[in-house]
């Protein structure tokens, strides 16, 4: 499956990762081997990828993800993915 991780004005990862039938948008990010900081709970909250953390660029900036170009409004650990999906984690300064 294809994963892209876009930091602030920089691509951290753009390539293929191996998944299994239990993979989620979060486990795909973990498969990238990038350094990730997150809080675990009912929904995983990703606060930093590769040292770029929420609020680093401006207040309210942070990490979001899309699957097949669609914003997903639930925790990344709750969003199943398959081999044909494209996951894009991106750093936003606009809150969306």
PDB file of N, CA and C in Angstrom:
ATOM      1  N   UNK A   1       0.837  -1.166   0.000  1.00  0.00           N
ATOM      2  CA  UNK A   1       0.000   0.000   0.000  1.00  0.00           C
ATOM      3  C   UNK A   1       0.883   1.229   0.000  1.00  0.00           C
ATOM      4  N   UNK A   2       0.343   2.322  -0.523  1.00  0.00           N
ATOM      5  CA  UNK A   2       1.146   3.537  -0.651  1.00  0.00           C
ATOM      6  C   UNK A   2       0.901   4.483   0.528  1.00  0.00           C
ATOM      7  N   UNK A   3       1.996   4.992   1.067  1.00  0.00           N
ATOM      8  CA  UNK A   3       1.950   5.936   2.179  1.00  0.00           C
ATOM      9  C   UNK A   3       2.769   7.170   1.824  1.00  0.00           C
ATOM     10  N   UNK A   4       2.188   8.331   2.097  1.00  0.00           N
ATOM     11  CA  UNK A   4       2.908   9.596   1.989  1.00  0.00           C
ATOM     12  C   UNK A   4       2.806  10.303   3.335  1.00  0.00           C
ATOM     13  N   UNK A   5       3.931  10.839   3.804  1.00  0.00           N
ATOM     14  CA  UNK A   5       3.943  11.636   5.030  1.00  0.00           C
ATOM     15  C   UNK A   5       4.566  12.983   4.668  1.00  0.00           C
ATOM     16  N   UNK A   6       3.738  14.014   4.697  1.00  0.00           N
ATOM     17  CA  UNK A   6       4.165  15.359   4.309  1.00  0.00           C
ATOM     18  C   UNK A   6       4.314  16.229   5.545  1.00  0.00           C
ATOM     19  N   UNK A   7       5.548  16.639   5.812  1.00  0.00           N
ATOM     20  CA  UNK A   7       5.795  17.569   6.901  1.00  0.00           C
ATOM     21  C   UNK A   7       5.560  18.988   6.420  1.00  0.00           C
ATOM     22  N   UNK A   8       6.012  19.953   7.172  1.00  0.00           N
ATOM     23  CA  UNK A   8       5.868  21.355   6.788  1.00  0.00           C
ATOM     24  C   UNK A   8       6.884  21.676   5.697  1.00  0.00           C
ATOM     25  N   UNK A   9       6.414  21.791   4.464  1.00  0.00           N
ATOM     26  CA  UNK A   9       7.252  22.097   3.295  1.00  0.00           C
ATOM     27  C   UNK A   9       8.304  21.027   3.027  1.00  0.00           C
ATOM     28  N   UNK A  10       8.041  19.769   3.452  1.00  0.00           N
ATOM     29  CA  UNK A  10       9.014  18.698   3.257  1.00  0.00           C
ATOM     30  C   UNK A  10       8.295  17.351   3.281  1.00  0.00           C
ATOM     31  N   UNK A  11       8.707  16.441   2.404  1.00  0.00           N
ATOM     32  CA  UNK A  11       8.162  15.082   2.396  1.00  0.00           C
ATOM     33  C   UNK A  11       9.055  14.216   3.286  1.00  0.00           C
ATOM     34  N   UNK A  12       8.464  13.586   4.300  1.00  0.00           N
ATOM     35  CA  UNK A  12       9.208  12.697   5.190  1.00  0.00           C
ATOM     36  C   UNK A  12       9.246  11.266   4.666  1.00  0.00           C
ATOM     37  N   UNK A  13       8.194  10.865   3.950  1.00  0.00           N
ATOM     38  CA  UNK A  13       8.118   9.495   3.436  1.00  0.00           C
ATOM     39  C   UNK A  13       7.169   9.482   2.250  1.00  0.00           C
ATOM     40  N   UNK A  14       7.548   8.770   1.202  1.00  0.00           N
ATOM     41  CA  UNK A  14       6.672   8.594   0.044  1.00  0.00           C
ATOM     42  C   UNK A  14       7.033   7.263  -0.593  1.00  0.00           C
ATOM     43  N   UNK A  15       6.258   6.237  -0.250  1.00  0.00           N
ATOM     44  CA  UNK A  15       6.587   4.922  -0.770  1.00  0.00           C
ATOM     45  C   UNK A  15       5.586   3.866  -0.351  1.00  0.00           C
ATOM     46  N   UNK A  16       5.990   2.638  -0.534  1.00  0.00           N
ATOM     47  CA  UNK A  16       5.133   1.489  -0.259  1.00  0.00           C
ATOM     48  C   UNK A  16       5.502   0.876   1.083  1.00  0.00           C
ATOM     49  N   UNK A  17       4.492   0.473   1.833  1.00  0.00           N
ATOM     50  CA  UNK A  17       4.707  -0.263   3.083  1.00  0.00           C
ATOM     51  C   UNK A  17       3.874  -1.536   3.039  1.00  0.00           C
ATOM     52  N   UNK A  18       4.361  -2.555   3.720  1.00  0.00           N
ATOM     53  CA  UNK A  18       3.628  -3.819   3.789  1.00  0.00           C
ATOM     54  C   UNK A  18       2.573  -3.732   4.878  1.00  0.00           C
ATOM     55  N   UNK A  19       1.416  -4.307   4.592  1.00  0.00           N
ATOM     56  CA  UNK A  19       0.332  -4.312   5.563  1.00  0.00           C
ATOM     57  C   UNK A  19      -0.219  -5.722   5.707  1.00  0.00           C
ATOM     58  N   UNK A  20      -1.065  -5.905   6.715  1.00  0.00           N
ATOM     59  CA  UNK A  20      -1.774  -7.171   6.871  1.00  0.00           C
ATOM     60  C   UNK A  20      -3.271  -6.879   6.956  1.00  0.00           C
ATOM     61  N   UNK A  21      -4.066  -7.890   7.159  1.00  0.00           N
ATOM     62  CA  UNK A  21      -5.518  -7.688   7.118  1.00  0.00           C
ATOM     63  C   UNK A  21      -6.051  -6.904   8.320  1.00  0.00           C
ATOM     64  N   UNK A  22      -5.212  -6.669   9.318  1.00  0.00           N
ATOM     65  CA  UNK A  22      -5.622  -5.897  10.493  1.00  0.00           C
ATOM     66  C   UNK A  22      -5.037  -4.480  10.489  1.00  0.00           C
ATOM     67  N   UNK A  23      -4.429  -4.079   9.399  1.00  0.00           N
ATOM     68  CA  UNK A  23      -3.755  -2.781   9.339  1.00  0.00           C
ATOM     69  C   UNK A  23      -4.739  -1.618   9.409  1.00  0.00           C
ATOM     70  N   UNK A  24      -4.253  -0.544  10.018  1.00  0.00           N
ATOM     71  CA  UNK A  24      -5.022   0.697  10.139  1.00  0.00           C
ATOM     72  C   UNK A  24      -4.171   1.852   9.607  1.00  0.00           C
ATOM     73  N   UNK A  25      -4.773   3.013   9.496  1.00  0.00           N
ATOM     74  CA  UNK A  25      -4.021   4.191   9.064  1.00  0.00           C
ATOM     75  C   UNK A  25      -2.865   4.481  10.026  1.00  0.00           C
ATOM     76  N   UNK A  26      -3.024   4.127  11.294  1.00  0.00           N
ATOM     77  CA  UNK A  26      -1.951   4.336  12.270  1.00  0.00           C
ATOM     78  C   UNK A  26      -0.850   3.286  12.126  1.00  0.00           C
ATOM     79  N   UNK A  27      -1.204   2.017  11.979  1.00  0.00           N
ATOM     80  CA  UNK A  27      -0.169   0.978  11.854  1.00  0.00           C
ATOM     81  C   UNK A  27       0.642   1.157  10.572  1.00  0.00           C
ATOM     82  N   UNK A  28       0.023   1.709   9.536  1.00  0.00           N
ATOM     83  CA  UNK A  28       0.749   2.017   8.303  1.00  0.00           C
ATOM     84  C   UNK A  28       1.794   3.096   8.573  1.00  0.00           C
ATOM     85  N   UNK A  29       1.426   4.119   9.338  1.00  0.00           N
ATOM     86  CA  UNK A  29       2.387   5.154   9.717  1.00  0.00           C
ATOM     87  C   UNK A  29       3.537   4.539  10.511  1.00  0.00           C
ATOM     88  N   UNK A  30       3.231   3.650  11.438  1.00  0.00           N
ATOM     89  CA  UNK A  30       4.275   2.978  12.214  1.00  0.00           C
ATOM     90  C   UNK A  30       5.203   2.172  11.307  1.00  0.00           C
ATOM     91  N   UNK A  31       4.662   1.569  10.255  1.00  0.00           N
ATOM     92  CA  UNK A  31       5.459   0.756   9.330  1.00  0.00           C
ATOM     93  C   UNK A  31       6.475   1.591   8.557  1.00  0.00           C
ATOM     94  N   UNK A  32       6.280   2.898   8.513  1.00  0.00           N
ATOM     95  CA  UNK A  32       7.219   3.778   7.805  1.00  0.00           C
ATOM     96  C   UNK A  32       8.556   3.880   8.520  1.00  0.00           C
ATOM     97  N   UNK A  33       8.585   3.516   9.802  1.00  0.00           N
ATOM     98  CA  UNK A  33       9.787   3.591  10.646  1.00  0.00           C
ATOM     99  C   UNK A  33      10.207   5.021  10.973  1.00  0.00           C
ATOM    100  N   UNK A  34       9.331   5.996  10.702  1.00  0.00           N
ATOM    101  CA  UNK A  34       9.601   7.366  11.128  1.00  0.00           C
ATOM    102  C   UNK A  34       9.445   7.450  12.642  1.00  0.00           C
ATOM    103  N   UNK A  35      10.079   8.441  13.250  1.00  0.00           N
ATOM    104  CA  UNK A  35       9.939   8.633  14.695  1.00  0.00           C
ATOM    105  C   UNK A  35       8.586   9.286  14.971  1.00  0.00           C
ATOM    106  N   UNK A  36       7.758   8.607  15.760  1.00  0.00           N
ATOM    107  CA  UNK A  36       6.392   9.063  16.025  1.00  0.00           C
ATOM    108  C   UNK A  36       6.188   9.233  17.523  1.00  0.00           C
ATOM    109  N   UNK A  37       5.569  10.345  17.913  1.00  0.00           N
ATOM    110  CA  UNK A  37       5.106  10.529  19.288  1.00  0.00           C
ATOM    111  C   UNK A  37       3.592  10.557  19.247  1.00  0.00           C
ATOM    112  N   UNK A  38       2.974   9.812  20.167  1.00  0.00           N
ATOM    113  CA  UNK A  38       1.514   9.738  20.165  1.00  0.00           C
ATOM    114  C   UNK A  38       0.996   9.406  21.551  1.00  0.00           C
ATOM    115  N   UNK A  39      -0.280   9.704  21.745  1.00  0.00           N
ATOM    116  CA  UNK A  39      -0.968   9.334  22.974  1.00  0.00           C
ATOM    117  C   UNK A  39      -1.972   8.254  22.608  1.00  0.00           C
ATOM    118  N   UNK A  40      -1.947   7.186  23.385  1.00  0.00           N
ATOM    119  CA  UNK A  40      -2.829   6.054  23.137  1.00  0.00           C
ATOM    120  C   UNK A  40      -4.056   6.162  24.016  1.00  0.00           C
ATOM    121  N   UNK A  41      -5.175   5.814  23.486  1.00  0.00           N
ATOM    122  CA  UNK A  41      -6.441   5.816  24.206  1.00  0.00           C
ATOM    123  C   UNK A  41      -7.473   5.157  23.329  1.00  0.00           C
ATOM    124  N   UNK A  42      -8.710   5.531  23.480  1.00  0.00           N
ATOM    125  CA  UNK A  42      -9.744   5.005  22.589  1.00  0.00           C
ATOM    126  C   UNK A  42      -9.366   5.319  21.145  1.00  0.00           C
ATOM    127  N   UNK A  43      -8.885   6.528  20.920  1.00  0.00           N
ATOM    128  CA  UNK A  43      -8.364   6.928  19.616  1.00  0.00           C
ATOM    129  C   UNK A  43      -6.918   7.376  19.800  1.00  0.00           C
ATOM    130  N   UNK A  44      -6.045   6.945  18.918  1.00  0.00           N
ATOM    131  CA  UNK A  44      -4.648   7.364  18.964  1.00  0.00           C
ATOM    132  C   UNK A  44      -4.552   8.810  18.487  1.00  0.00           C
ATOM    133  N   UNK A  45      -3.768   9.617  19.206  1.00  0.00           N
ATOM    134  CA  UNK A  45      -3.521  10.996  18.806  1.00  0.00           C
ATOM    135  C   UNK A  45      -2.038  11.138  18.482  1.00  0.00           C
ATOM    136  N   UNK A  46      -1.720  11.440  17.233  1.00  0.00           N
ATOM    137  CA  UNK A  46      -0.333  11.619  16.807  1.00  0.00           C
ATOM    138  C   UNK A  46       0.050  13.075  17.039  1.00  0.00           C
ATOM    139  N   UNK A  47       1.036  13.285  17.903  1.00  0.00           N
ATOM    140  CA  UNK A  47       1.447  14.653  18.238  1.00  0.00           C
ATOM    141  C   UNK A  47       2.720  15.089  17.514  1.00  0.00           C
ATOM    142  N   UNK A  48       3.527  14.117  17.040  1.00  0.00           N
ATOM    143  CA  UNK A  48       4.784  14.471  16.389  1.00  0.00           C
ATOM    144  C   UNK A  48       5.217  13.358  15.441  1.00  0.00           C
ATOM    145  N   UNK A  49       5.737  13.754  14.289  1.00  0.00           N
ATOM    146  CA  UNK A  49       6.343  12.815  13.343  1.00  0.00           C
ATOM    147  C   UNK A  49       7.679  13.403  12.928  1.00  0.00           C
ATOM    148  N   UNK A  50       8.736  12.599  13.064  1.00  0.00           N
ATOM    149  CA  UNK A  50      10.085  13.019  12.666  1.00  0.00           C
ATOM    150  C   UNK A  50      10.513  14.327  13.326  1.00  0.00           C
ATOM    151  N   UNK A  51      10.044  14.551  14.547  1.00  0.00           N
ATOM    152  CA  UNK A  51      10.434  15.743  15.292  1.00  0.00           C
ATOM    153  C   UNK A  51       9.586  16.974  15.027  1.00  0.00           C
ATOM    154  N   UNK A  52       8.665  16.899  14.071  1.00  0.00           N
ATOM    155  CA  UNK A  52       7.764  18.019  13.794  1.00  0.00           C
ATOM    156  C   UNK A  52       6.492  17.811  14.606  1.00  0.00           C
ATOM    157  N   UNK A  53       6.282  18.671  15.598  1.00  0.00           N
ATOM    158  CA  UNK A  53       5.199  18.469  16.564  1.00  0.00           C
ATOM    159  C   UNK A  53       4.083  19.497  16.394  1.00  0.00           C
ATOM    160  N   UNK A  54       2.941  19.130  16.956  1.00  0.00           N
ATOM    161  CA  UNK A  54       1.800  20.052  16.974  1.00  0.00           C
ATOM    162  C   UNK A  54       2.248  21.396  17.527  1.00  0.00           C
ATOM    163  N   UNK A  55       1.719  22.459  16.995  1.00  0.00           N
ATOM    164  CA  UNK A  55       1.994  23.838  17.405  1.00  0.00           C
ATOM    165  C   UNK A  55       3.413  24.314  17.106  1.00  0.00           C
ATOM    166  N   UNK A  56       4.238  23.515  16.423  1.00  0.00           N
ATOM    167  CA  UNK A  56       5.604  23.945  16.103  1.00  0.00           C
ATOM    168  C   UNK A  56       5.629  25.127  15.143  1.00  0.00           C
ATOM    169  N   UNK A  57       4.760  25.129  14.163  1.00  0.00           N
ATOM    170  CA  UNK A  57       4.762  26.190  13.158  1.00  0.00           C
ATOM    171  C   UNK A  57       3.907  27.361  13.618  1.00  0.00           C
ATOM    172  N   UNK A  58       2.741  27.051  14.138  1.00  0.00           N
ATOM    173  CA  UNK A  58       1.872  28.066  14.737  1.00  0.00           C
ATOM    174  C   UNK A  58       0.852  27.351  15.613  1.00  0.00           C
ATOM    175  N   UNK A  59       0.206  28.092  16.495  1.00  0.00           N
ATOM    176  CA  UNK A  59      -0.800  27.509  17.378  1.00  0.00           C
ATOM    177  C   UNK A  59      -1.910  26.902  16.522  1.00  0.00           C
ATOM    178  N   UNK A  60      -2.258  25.673  16.822  1.00  0.00           N
ATOM    179  CA  UNK A  60      -3.304  24.979  16.074  1.00  0.00           C
ATOM    180  C   UNK A  60      -2.791  24.098  14.955  1.00  0.00           C
ATOM    181  N   UNK A  61      -1.490  24.179  14.662  1.00  0.00           N
ATOM    182  CA  UNK A  61      -0.942  23.301  13.626  1.00  0.00           C
ATOM    183  C   UNK A  61      -0.789  21.895  14.191  1.00  0.00           C
ATOM    184  N   UNK A  62      -0.802  20.907  13.316  1.00  0.00           N
ATOM    185  CA  UNK A  62      -0.667  19.528  13.768  1.00  0.00           C
ATOM    186  C   UNK A  62      -0.882  18.524  12.654  1.00  0.00           C
ATOM    187  N   UNK A  63      -0.967  17.263  13.044  1.00  0.00           N
ATOM    188  CA  UNK A  63      -1.020  16.149  12.105  1.00  0.00           C
ATOM    189  C   UNK A  63      -2.441  15.658  11.855  1.00  0.00           C
ATOM    190  N   UNK A  64      -2.746  15.416  10.589  1.00  0.00           N
ATOM    191  CA  UNK A  64      -4.023  14.853  10.141  1.00  0.00           C
ATOM    192  C   UNK A  64      -3.709  13.751   9.132  1.00  0.00           C
ATOM    193  N   UNK A  65      -4.723  12.988   8.770  1.00  0.00           N
ATOM    194  CA  UNK A  65      -4.523  11.982   7.730  1.00  0.00           C
ATOM    195  C   UNK A  65      -5.750  11.859   6.844  1.00  0.00           C
ATOM    196  N   UNK A  66      -5.495  11.390   5.625  1.00  0.00           N
ATOM    197  CA  UNK A  66      -6.548  11.103   4.654  1.00  0.00           C
ATOM    198  C   UNK A  66      -6.334   9.689   4.128  1.00  0.00           C
ATOM    199  N   UNK A  67      -7.424   9.057   3.736  1.00  0.00           N
ATOM    200  CA  UNK A  67      -7.355   7.764   3.057  1.00  0.00           C
ATOM    201  C   UNK A  67      -8.046   7.939   1.712  1.00  0.00           C
ATOM    202  N   UNK A  68      -7.311   7.647   0.647  1.00  0.00           N
ATOM    203  CA  UNK A  68      -7.826   7.812  -0.718  1.00  0.00           C
ATOM    204  C   UNK A  68      -8.362   9.222  -0.961  1.00  0.00           C
ATOM    205  N   UNK A  69      -7.656  10.210  -0.405  1.00  0.00           N
ATOM    206  CA  UNK A  69      -8.007  11.600  -0.626  1.00  0.00           C
ATOM    207  C   UNK A  69      -9.130  12.139   0.237  1.00  0.00           C
ATOM    208  N   UNK A  70      -9.675  11.307   1.120  1.00  0.00           N
ATOM    209  CA  UNK A  70     -10.793  11.736   1.965  1.00  0.00           C
ATOM    210  C   UNK A  70     -10.343  11.892   3.410  1.00  0.00           C
ATOM    211  N   UNK A  71     -10.667  13.048   4.004  1.00  0.00           N
ATOM    212  CA  UNK A  71     -10.383  13.274   5.418  1.00  0.00           C
ATOM    213  C   UNK A  71     -11.213  12.296   6.244  1.00  0.00           C
ATOM    214  N   UNK A  72     -10.588  11.662   7.210  1.00  0.00           N
ATOM    215  CA  UNK A  72     -11.252  10.689   8.069  1.00  0.00           C
ATOM    216  C   UNK A  72     -11.434  11.318   9.444  1.00  0.00           C
ATOM    217  N   UNK A  73     -12.661  11.360   9.909  1.00  0.00           N
ATOM    218  CA  UNK A  73     -12.972  12.021  11.174  1.00  0.00           C
ATOM    219  C   UNK A  73     -13.092  11.012  12.313  1.00  0.00           C
ATOM    220  N   UNK A  74     -12.044  10.198  12.471  1.00  0.00           N
ATOM    221  CA  UNK A  74     -11.961   9.274  13.602  1.00  0.00           C
ATOM    222  C   UNK A  74     -10.498   8.943  13.813  1.00  0.00           C
ATOM    223  N   UNK A  75     -10.216   8.268  14.906  1.00  0.00           N
ATOM    224  CA  UNK A  75      -8.838   7.927  15.223  1.00  0.00           C
ATOM    225  C   UNK A  75      -8.206   7.040  14.166  1.00  0.00           C
ATOM    226  N   UNK A  76      -6.928   7.283  13.890  1.00  0.00           N
ATOM    227  CA  UNK A  76      -6.219   6.519  12.865  1.00  0.00           C
ATOM    228  C   UNK A  76      -6.157   5.036  13.194  1.00  0.00           C
ATOM    229  N   UNK A  77      -6.200   4.703  14.476  1.00  0.00           N
ATOM    230  CA  UNK A  77      -6.183   3.297  14.879  1.00  0.00           C
ATOM    231  C   UNK A  77      -7.539   2.632  14.666  1.00  0.00           C
ATOM    232  N   UNK A  78      -8.544   3.403  14.304  1.00  0.00           N
ATOM    233  CA  UNK A  78      -9.896   2.878  14.060  1.00  0.00           C
ATOM    234  C   UNK A  78     -10.235   2.820  12.569  1.00  0.00           C
ATOM    235  N   UNK A  79      -9.316   3.269  11.713  1.00  0.00           N
ATOM    236  CA  UNK A  79      -9.575   3.316  10.275  1.00  0.00           C
ATOM    237  C   UNK A  79      -8.828   2.190   9.557  1.00  0.00           C
ATOM    238  N   UNK A  80      -9.545   1.103   9.173  1.00  0.00           N
ATOM    239  CA  UNK A  80      -8.893  -0.008   8.481  1.00  0.00           C
ATOM    240  C   UNK A  80      -8.454   0.401   7.074  1.00  0.00           C
ATOM    241  N   UNK A  81      -7.362  -0.188   6.618  1.00  0.00           N
ATOM    242  CA  UNK A  81      -6.871   0.066   5.265  1.00  0.00           C
ATOM    243  C   UNK A  81      -6.567  -1.258   4.575  1.00  0.00           C
ATOM    244  N   UNK A  82      -6.541  -1.212   3.237  1.00  0.00           N
ATOM    245  CA  UNK A  82      -6.228  -2.405   2.448  1.00  0.00           C
ATOM    246  C   UNK A  82      -5.131  -2.074   1.443  1.00  0.00           C
ATOM    247  N   UNK A  83      -4.670  -3.079   0.724  1.00  0.00           N
ATOM    248  CA  UNK A  83      -3.557  -2.914  -0.211  1.00  0.00           C
ATOM    249  C   UNK A  83      -3.792  -1.860  -1.281  1.00  0.00           C
ATOM    250  N   UNK A  84      -5.021  -1.625  -1.653  1.00  0.00           N
ATOM    251  CA  UNK A  84      -5.311  -0.692  -2.741  1.00  0.00           C
ATOM    252  C   UNK A  84      -5.530   0.743  -2.257  1.00  0.00           C
ATOM    253  N   UNK A  85      -5.462   0.964  -0.963  1.00  0.00           N
ATOM    254  CA  UNK A  85      -5.660   2.306  -0.411  1.00  0.00           C
ATOM    255  C   UNK A  85      -4.384   3.136  -0.498  1.00  0.00           C
ATOM    256  N   UNK A  86      -4.571   4.446  -0.445  1.00  0.00           N
ATOM    257  CA  UNK A  86      -3.463   5.395  -0.363  1.00  0.00           C
ATOM    258  C   UNK A  86      -3.682   6.223   0.901  1.00  0.00           C
ATOM    259  N   UNK A  87      -2.724   6.157   1.808  1.00  0.00           N
ATOM    260  CA  UNK A  87      -2.816   6.902   3.064  1.00  0.00           C
ATOM    261  C   UNK A  87      -1.864   8.093   2.986  1.00  0.00           C
ATOM    262  N   UNK A  88      -2.365   9.251   3.393  1.00  0.00           N
ATOM    263  CA  UNK A  88      -1.553  10.466   3.393  1.00  0.00           C
ATOM    264  C   UNK A  88      -1.649  11.123   4.763  1.00  0.00           C
ATOM    265  N   UNK A  89      -0.552  11.089   5.500  1.00  0.00           N
ATOM    266  CA  UNK A  89      -0.437  11.849   6.746  1.00  0.00           C
ATOM    267  C   UNK A  89       0.166  13.193   6.366  1.00  0.00           C
ATOM    268  N   UNK A  90      -0.401  14.276   6.888  1.00  0.00           N
ATOM    269  CA  UNK A  90       0.096  15.595   6.517  1.00  0.00           C
ATOM    270  C   UNK A  90       0.034  16.544   7.711  1.00  0.00           C
ATOM    271  N   UNK A  91       0.992  17.467   7.702  1.00  0.00           N
ATOM    272  CA  UNK A  91       1.062  18.486   8.743  1.00  0.00           C
ATOM    273  C   UNK A  91       0.303  19.704   8.251  1.00  0.00           C
ATOM    274  N   UNK A  92      -0.671  20.145   9.018  1.00  0.00           N
ATOM    275  CA  UNK A  92      -1.484  21.283   8.610  1.00  0.00           C
ATOM    276  C   UNK A  92      -1.289  22.463   9.558  1.00  0.00           C
ATOM    277  N   UNK A  93      -1.321  23.634   8.992  1.00  0.00           N
ATOM    278  CA  UNK A  93      -1.286  24.858   9.796  1.00  0.00           C
ATOM    279  C   UNK A  93      -2.665  25.505   9.828  1.00  0.00           C
ATOM    280  N   UNK A  94      -3.642  24.842   9.176  1.00  0.00           N
ATOM    281  CA  UNK A  94      -4.986  25.410   9.047  1.00  0.00           C
ATOM    282  C   UNK A  94      -6.040  24.652   9.839  1.00  0.00           C
ATOM    283  N   UNK A  95      -5.669  23.567  10.472  1.00  0.00           N
ATOM    284  CA  UNK A  95      -6.622  22.816  11.276  1.00  0.00           C
ATOM    285  C   UNK A  95      -7.455  21.820  10.504  1.00  0.00           C
ATOM    286  N   UNK A  96      -7.206  21.670   9.212  1.00  0.00           N
ATOM    287  CA  UNK A  96      -7.948  20.695   8.409  1.00  0.00           C
ATOM    288  C   UNK A  96      -7.060  20.076   7.370  1.00  0.00           C
TER     289      UNK A  96
END
